[in-house]
C-alpha cells in the first residue's frame, strides 16, 4: 500500500537534540537533589513526554514538576533557537515529502519549542499538522498522538497508509500501536531497542523518504 501521509517525530528525529535534552534534564534534576546519569536518560526516559520524564524521575506529585518542565522548555528554546539542530539532509527529506503528501509532526515536546525550531529551519510551512504534548493526555508509548494526527490530517486516511519516522523505543511502540508503518532512525538508541519497527535506517535523508514513497 503506497503511503498517503508522512509523520515525523521531533526530538532526535527531525531535530538532532537528544544530547541537549539530556544535558538540560541532568542539570535540572541535579538541582532537585536527584542526579541523572546520561545512561539512565537514554535507557529509561528518552522518547517520553516532558511530564512523563519529570514524573518518572522525581515522582508523581513532586512539588517541582511544573517548575522543572517550564525551565526545561526555556533552556531548550535558547539552545536551539537558530534551527541548527535540523540538518540540511533532514530539511531536504521533509521538503521532498511535503511536496507530495501531507506531513505531520507528533512529539512529546511542547508546541512552544517545536514551532520555533521548525520556523528557524525553514520547515514550518511544510508541516500540515503538529500534535504536541499539549494536545494529548497520554504520551508515547501510547498511540494517542498518532491517532490524533490521523484525525487532523483529514484525508480519509487509514493507519496503514501512514509512514512514521521515530528514533526511540517509546515512539516506535506508539506508531505501531496506532497501526502505522514505522521506520526507526538510528542514533538515539541501539538497533536492538528499535527492533519492533518495520525498518531501521542509519539516518533520515531524502533518498530514504524517496524510496518509501515510491
Protein backbone atom coordinates (compact mmCIF):
# COMPACT_ATOMS: atom_id res chain seq x y z
CA UNK A 1 0.00 0.00 0.00
CA UNK A 2 1.51 3.31 -1.10
CA UNK A 3 1.81 5.89 1.72
CA UNK A 4 -0.60 8.81 1.68
CA UNK A 5 0.93 10.75 4.60
CA UNK A 6 4.21 11.00 6.46
CA UNK A 7 4.59 11.68 10.18
CA UNK A 8 7.85 12.64 11.85
CA UNK A 9 8.78 12.53 15.49
CA UNK A 10 10.56 15.74 16.53
CA UNK A 11 13.26 15.31 19.20
CA UNK A 12 16.04 13.08 17.94
CA UNK A 13 14.38 12.51 14.56
CA UNK A 14 13.86 15.90 12.91
CA UNK A 15 15.91 17.78 15.48
CA UNK A 16 19.25 16.26 16.49
CA UNK A 17 18.81 17.41 20.06
CA UNK A 18 18.68 14.40 22.38
CA UNK A 19 22.14 15.23 23.84
CA UNK A 20 20.89 18.77 24.51
CA UNK A 21 17.75 17.48 26.22
CA UNK A 22 19.78 15.01 28.25
CA UNK A 23 22.12 17.76 29.45
CA UNK A 24 19.28 20.07 30.44
CA UNK A 25 17.40 17.37 32.33
CA UNK A 26 20.59 16.35 34.13
CA UNK A 27 21.16 19.93 35.30
CA UNK A 28 17.57 20.39 36.44
CA UNK A 29 17.32 17.04 38.22
CA UNK A 30 20.65 17.59 39.97
CA UNK A 31 19.28 20.90 41.27
CA UNK A 32 16.34 18.94 42.73
CA UNK A 33 18.73 16.60 44.54
CA UNK A 34 18.15 13.62 42.27
CA UNK A 35 21.06 13.38 39.81
CA UNK A 36 20.52 11.67 36.47
CA UNK A 37 23.26 9.84 34.54
CA UNK A 38 23.28 10.09 30.76
CA UNK A 39 22.89 6.31 30.52
CA UNK A 40 19.77 6.47 32.69
CA UNK A 41 18.27 9.16 30.48
CA UNK A 42 18.66 7.10 27.31
CA UNK A 43 17.72 3.81 28.98
CA UNK A 44 14.58 4.99 30.77
CA UNK A 45 13.42 8.43 29.67
CA UNK A 46 14.25 9.21 26.03
CA UNK A 47 11.11 9.33 23.92
CA UNK A 48 8.69 10.07 26.76
CA UNK A 49 6.86 13.37 27.06
CA UNK A 50 8.22 16.07 29.37
CA UNK A 51 5.61 15.45 32.09
CA UNK A 52 6.28 11.70 31.97
CA UNK A 53 10.04 12.22 32.13
CA UNK A 54 9.82 14.53 35.14
CA UNK A 55 7.23 12.44 36.96
CA UNK A 56 9.18 9.24 36.31
CA UNK A 57 12.38 10.71 37.74
CA UNK A 58 11.13 12.96 40.54
CA UNK A 59 7.96 11.03 41.36
CA UNK A 60 4.31 11.81 40.71
CA UNK A 61 3.06 14.67 42.81
CA UNK A 62 6.52 16.19 43.31
CA UNK A 63 6.18 19.90 44.08
CA UNK A 64 8.71 20.98 41.41
CA UNK A 65 7.24 19.17 38.38
CA UNK A 66 5.70 22.26 36.77
CA UNK A 67 8.79 24.37 37.51
CA UNK A 68 11.18 21.80 36.03
CA UNK A 69 9.11 21.48 32.85
CA UNK A 70 8.94 25.27 32.46
CA UNK A 71 12.71 25.63 32.95
CA UNK A 72 13.41 22.74 30.58
CA UNK A 73 11.41 24.37 27.79
CA UNK A 74 13.00 27.79 28.38
CA UNK A 75 16.56 26.41 28.34
CA UNK A 76 15.86 24.28 25.29
CA UNK A 77 14.46 27.20 23.31
CA UNK A 78 17.61 29.19 23.97
CA UNK A 79 19.86 26.29 22.98
CA UNK A 80 18.17 25.53 19.64
CA UNK A 81 16.74 28.88 18.56
CA UNK A 82 18.89 29.09 15.39
CA UNK A 83 17.46 25.87 13.92
CA UNK A 84 20.90 24.30 13.56
CA UNK A 85 19.79 21.03 15.18
CA UNK A 86 17.84 20.28 11.98
CA UNK A 87 20.45 19.22 9.44
CA UNK A 88 20.27 20.04 5.74
CA UNK A 89 19.70 16.37 4.75
CA UNK A 90 16.71 16.27 7.14
CA UNK A 91 15.36 19.53 5.71
CA UNK A 92 15.62 18.10 2.20
CA UNK A 93 13.82 14.92 3.28
CA UNK A 94 10.94 16.85 4.85
CA UNK A 95 10.59 19.17 1.87
CA UNK A 96 10.58 16.22 -0.52
CA UNK A 97 7.79 14.55 1.44
CA UNK A 98 5.77 17.76 1.82
CA UNK A 99 5.81 18.41 -1.93
CA UNK A 100 4.00 15.09 -2.43
CA UNK A 101 1.97 14.23 0.67
CA UNK A 102 0.56 15.76 3.86
CA UNK A 103 3.24 15.86 6.55
CA UNK A 104 2.69 15.90 10.33
CA UNK A 105 4.84 16.06 13.45
CA UNK A 106 3.90 14.04 16.53
CA UNK A 107 6.02 14.78 19.58
CA UNK A 108 6.17 14.57 23.35
CA UNK A 109 7.63 18.09 23.35
CA UNK A 110 5.62 21.27 23.87
CA UNK A 111 4.35 23.20 20.85
CA UNK A 112 6.21 26.26 22.17
CA UNK A 113 9.52 24.56 21.49
CA UNK A 114 8.65 22.67 18.31
CA UNK A 115 7.36 25.57 16.21
CA UNK A 116 10.33 27.97 16.70
CA UNK A 117 12.80 25.28 15.61
CA UNK A 118 10.74 24.41 12.53
CA UNK A 119 10.48 28.13 11.71
CA UNK A 120 14.23 28.66 12.10
CA UNK A 121 14.92 25.61 9.92
CA UNK A 122 12.57 26.88 7.22
CA UNK A 123 10.20 23.93 7.59
CA UNK A 124 7.12 25.31 9.33
CA UNK A 125 5.19 25.76 6.09
CA UNK A 126 5.95 22.16 5.10
CA UNK A 127 4.15 20.75 8.15
CA UNK A 128 0.36 20.42 7.87
CA UNK A 129 -0.29 19.17 11.42
CA UNK A 130 1.58 19.32 14.73
CA UNK A 131 0.47 17.16 17.65
CA UNK A 132 2.46 18.10 20.74
CA UNK A 133 2.43 17.17 24.41
CA UNK A 134 -0.14 19.95 24.85
CA UNK A 135 -2.63 18.08 22.66
CA UNK A 136 -2.78 14.64 24.29
CA UNK A 137 -3.50 13.11 27.67
CA UNK A 138 -1.34 10.02 27.21
CA UNK A 139 2.04 10.42 25.56
CA UNK A 140 4.20 7.83 23.84
CA UNK A 141 4.32 4.80 24.04
CA UNK A 142 0.54 5.23 23.94
CA UNK A 143 -0.77 5.78 20.37
CA UNK A 144 -2.95 8.80 21.20
CA UNK A 145 -0.71 11.36 19.48
CA UNK A 146 -0.54 9.40 16.25
CA UNK A 147 -4.27 8.72 16.20
CA UNK A 148 -4.90 12.42 16.79
CA UNK A 149 -2.66 13.28 13.82
CA UNK A 150 -4.63 10.85 11.68
CA UNK A 151 -7.83 12.73 12.53
CA UNK A 152 -6.33 16.16 11.91
CA UNK A 153 -4.83 15.24 8.55
CA UNK A 154 -8.45 14.76 7.47
CA UNK A 155 -7.64 12.84 4.33
CA UNK A 156 -9.80 9.77 4.93
CA UNK A 157 -6.58 8.03 5.82
CA UNK A 158 -6.20 4.54 7.13
CA UNK A 159 -3.39 3.98 9.66
CA UNK A 160 -1.61 1.58 7.29
CA UNK A 161 -1.35 4.41 4.74
CA UNK A 162 0.84 6.47 7.08
CA UNK A 163 4.63 6.17 7.34
CA UNK A 164 6.17 7.27 10.64
CA UNK A 165 9.79 8.15 11.38
CA UNK A 166 10.86 7.62 15.00
CA UNK A 167 14.08 7.30 16.99
CA UNK A 168 13.03 5.81 20.35
CA UNK A 169 11.50 2.62 21.68
CA UNK A 170 8.51 4.51 23.07
CA UNK A 171 7.93 6.25 19.76
CA UNK A 172 8.09 3.04 17.74
CA UNK A 173 5.66 1.40 20.14
CA UNK A 174 3.24 4.34 19.79
CA UNK A 175 3.32 4.30 15.99
CA UNK A 176 2.84 0.54 15.78
CA UNK A 177 0.02 0.61 18.34
CA UNK A 178 -1.70 3.16 16.09
CA UNK A 179 -1.46 0.68 13.21
CA UNK A 180 1.06 2.71 11.21
CA UNK A 181 4.23 1.69 9.45
CA UNK A 182 7.31 2.81 11.30
CA UNK A 183 10.85 3.45 10.14
CA UNK A 184 13.27 3.84 13.02
CA UNK A 185 16.25 6.18 12.69
CA UNK A 186 19.38 5.01 14.48
CA UNK A 187 21.35 7.37 16.67
CA UNK A 188 19.47 7.86 19.92
CA UNK A 189 19.13 4.17 20.81
CA UNK A 190 20.87 0.98 19.63
CA UNK A 191 19.24 -1.12 16.94
CA UNK A 192 18.09 -3.85 19.33
CA UNK A 193 15.93 -1.32 21.21
CA UNK A 194 14.17 -0.42 17.95
CA UNK A 195 13.55 -3.94 16.67
CA UNK A 196 9.75 -3.51 16.68
CA UNK A 197 9.99 -1.02 13.79
CA UNK A 198 9.28 -2.16 10.24
CA UNK A 199 12.67 -0.90 9.11
CA UNK A 200 15.85 0.57 10.57
CA UNK A 201 17.82 3.27 8.74
CA UNK A 202 21.12 4.87 9.74
CA UNK A 203 19.90 8.44 9.23
CA UNK A 204 16.98 10.49 7.96
CA UNK A 205 17.65 11.82 4.48
CA UNK A 206 15.87 12.41 1.19
CA UNK A 207 16.76 9.12 -0.53
CA UNK A 208 15.12 7.17 2.33
CA UNK A 209 11.88 9.14 2.03
CA UNK A 210 12.05 8.93 -1.77
CA UNK A 211 12.27 5.14 -1.63
CA UNK A 212 9.45 4.77 0.89
CA UNK A 213 7.10 6.98 -1.11
CA UNK A 214 7.81 5.42 -4.50
